[in-house]
């Protein structure tokens, strides 16, 4: 399957399916990177609420990325 075919298929997915695909693609991209995995673990374990994002702030940053 070509990249153009994949793009067309992804465009036809529901937003929920696209979100699942994005999560899977990111998992594949970073699965073998120990530094990234360590940073994610550190962030997930951060109990300082000052470092947390609201869902709205997260979406705003995601839209601006």
C-alpha atoms as a PDB file:
ATOM      1  CA  UNK A   1       0.000   0.000   0.000  1.00  0.00           C
ATOM      2  CA  UNK A   2       1.393   3.416  -0.937  1.00  0.00           C
ATOM      3  CA  UNK A   3       1.591   6.416   1.358  1.00  0.00           C
ATOM      4  CA  UNK A   4      -1.113   8.163  -0.684  1.00  0.00           C
ATOM      5  CA  UNK A   5      -3.405   5.151  -0.228  1.00  0.00           C
ATOM      6  CA  UNK A   6      -2.733   5.156   3.502  1.00  0.00           C
ATOM      7  CA  UNK A   7      -3.534   8.875   3.697  1.00  0.00           C
ATOM      8  CA  UNK A   8      -6.852   8.345   1.930  1.00  0.00           C
ATOM      9  CA  UNK A   9      -7.717   5.441   4.235  1.00  0.00           C
ATOM     10  CA  UNK A  10      -6.840   7.456   7.338  1.00  0.00           C
ATOM     11  CA  UNK A  11      -8.948  10.376   6.100  1.00  0.00           C
ATOM     12  CA  UNK A  12     -11.945   8.054   5.875  1.00  0.00           C
ATOM     13  CA  UNK A  13     -11.625   6.918   9.505  1.00  0.00           C
ATOM     14  CA  UNK A  14     -13.744   8.364  12.295  1.00  0.00           C
ATOM     15  CA  UNK A  15     -12.063  10.856  14.617  1.00  0.00           C
ATOM     16  CA  UNK A  16     -11.945   8.181  17.328  1.00  0.00           C
ATOM     17  CA  UNK A  17     -10.231   5.748  14.954  1.00  0.00           C
ATOM     18  CA  UNK A  18      -7.807   8.452  13.829  1.00  0.00           C
ATOM     19  CA  UNK A  19      -6.921   9.204  17.460  1.00  0.00           C
ATOM     20  CA  UNK A  20      -6.236   5.508  18.078  1.00  0.00           C
ATOM     21  CA  UNK A  21      -4.057   5.381  14.964  1.00  0.00           C
ATOM     22  CA  UNK A  22      -2.114   8.458  16.061  1.00  0.00           C
ATOM     23  CA  UNK A  23      -1.481   6.879  19.464  1.00  0.00           C
ATOM     24  CA  UNK A  24      -0.294   3.683  17.778  1.00  0.00           C
ATOM     25  CA  UNK A  25       1.996   5.558  15.367  1.00  0.00           C
ATOM     26  CA  UNK A  26       3.556   7.502  18.248  1.00  0.00           C
ATOM     27  CA  UNK A  27       4.026   4.264  20.158  1.00  0.00           C
ATOM     28  CA  UNK A  28       5.880   2.780  17.186  1.00  0.00           C
ATOM     29  CA  UNK A  29       8.002   5.879  16.723  1.00  0.00           C
ATOM     30  CA  UNK A  30       9.188   6.063  20.324  1.00  0.00           C
ATOM     31  CA  UNK A  31       9.052   2.431  21.468  1.00  0.00           C
ATOM     32  CA  UNK A  32      12.786   1.934  21.148  1.00  0.00           C
ATOM     33  CA  UNK A  33      13.884   5.279  22.611  1.00  0.00           C
ATOM     34  CA  UNK A  34      14.829   4.796  26.281  1.00  0.00           C
ATOM     35  CA  UNK A  35      15.282   8.541  26.884  1.00  0.00           C
ATOM     36  CA  UNK A  36      11.782   9.287  25.634  1.00  0.00           C
ATOM     37  CA  UNK A  37      10.305   6.443  27.682  1.00  0.00           C
ATOM     38  CA  UNK A  38      12.081   7.740  30.795  1.00  0.00           C
ATOM     39  CA  UNK A  39      10.800  11.295  30.187  1.00  0.00           C
ATOM     40  CA  UNK A  40       7.232  10.046  29.727  1.00  0.00           C
ATOM     41  CA  UNK A  41       7.462   7.974  32.910  1.00  0.00           C
ATOM     42  CA  UNK A  42       8.814  10.974  34.830  1.00  0.00           C
ATOM     43  CA  UNK A  43       5.977  13.171  33.564  1.00  0.00           C
ATOM     44  CA  UNK A  44       3.323  10.585  34.338  1.00  0.00           C
ATOM     45  CA  UNK A  45       4.680  10.217  37.854  1.00  0.00           C
ATOM     46  CA  UNK A  46       4.890  13.997  38.455  1.00  0.00           C
ATOM     47  CA  UNK A  47       2.584  14.732  41.389  1.00  0.00           C
ATOM     48  CA  UNK A  48       3.123  18.522  41.276  1.00  0.00           C
ATOM     49  CA  UNK A  49      -0.214  19.876  40.036  1.00  0.00           C
ATOM     50  CA  UNK A  50       1.515  23.072  38.901  1.00  0.00           C
ATOM     51  CA  UNK A  51       2.995  21.007  36.067  1.00  0.00           C
ATOM     52  CA  UNK A  52      -0.341  19.521  34.957  1.00  0.00           C
ATOM     53  CA  UNK A  53      -2.358  20.749  31.990  1.00  0.00           C
ATOM     54  CA  UNK A  54      -6.094  21.115  31.845  1.00  0.00           C
ATOM     55  CA  UNK A  55      -7.727  19.209  28.977  1.00  0.00           C
ATOM     56  CA  UNK A  56      -8.394  22.566  27.283  1.00  0.00           C
ATOM     57  CA  UNK A  57      -4.744  23.657  27.563  1.00  0.00           C
ATOM     58  CA  UNK A  58      -3.605  20.280  26.265  1.00  0.00           C
ATOM     59  CA  UNK A  59      -5.866  20.585  23.205  1.00  0.00           C
ATOM     60  CA  UNK A  60      -4.744  24.190  22.615  1.00  0.00           C
ATOM     61  CA  UNK A  61      -1.086  23.141  22.649  1.00  0.00           C
ATOM     62  CA  UNK A  62      -1.825  20.155  20.444  1.00  0.00           C
ATOM     63  CA  UNK A  63      -3.582  22.407  17.915  1.00  0.00           C
ATOM     64  CA  UNK A  64      -0.587  24.778  17.879  1.00  0.00           C
ATOM     65  CA  UNK A  65       2.015  22.045  17.468  1.00  0.00           C
END
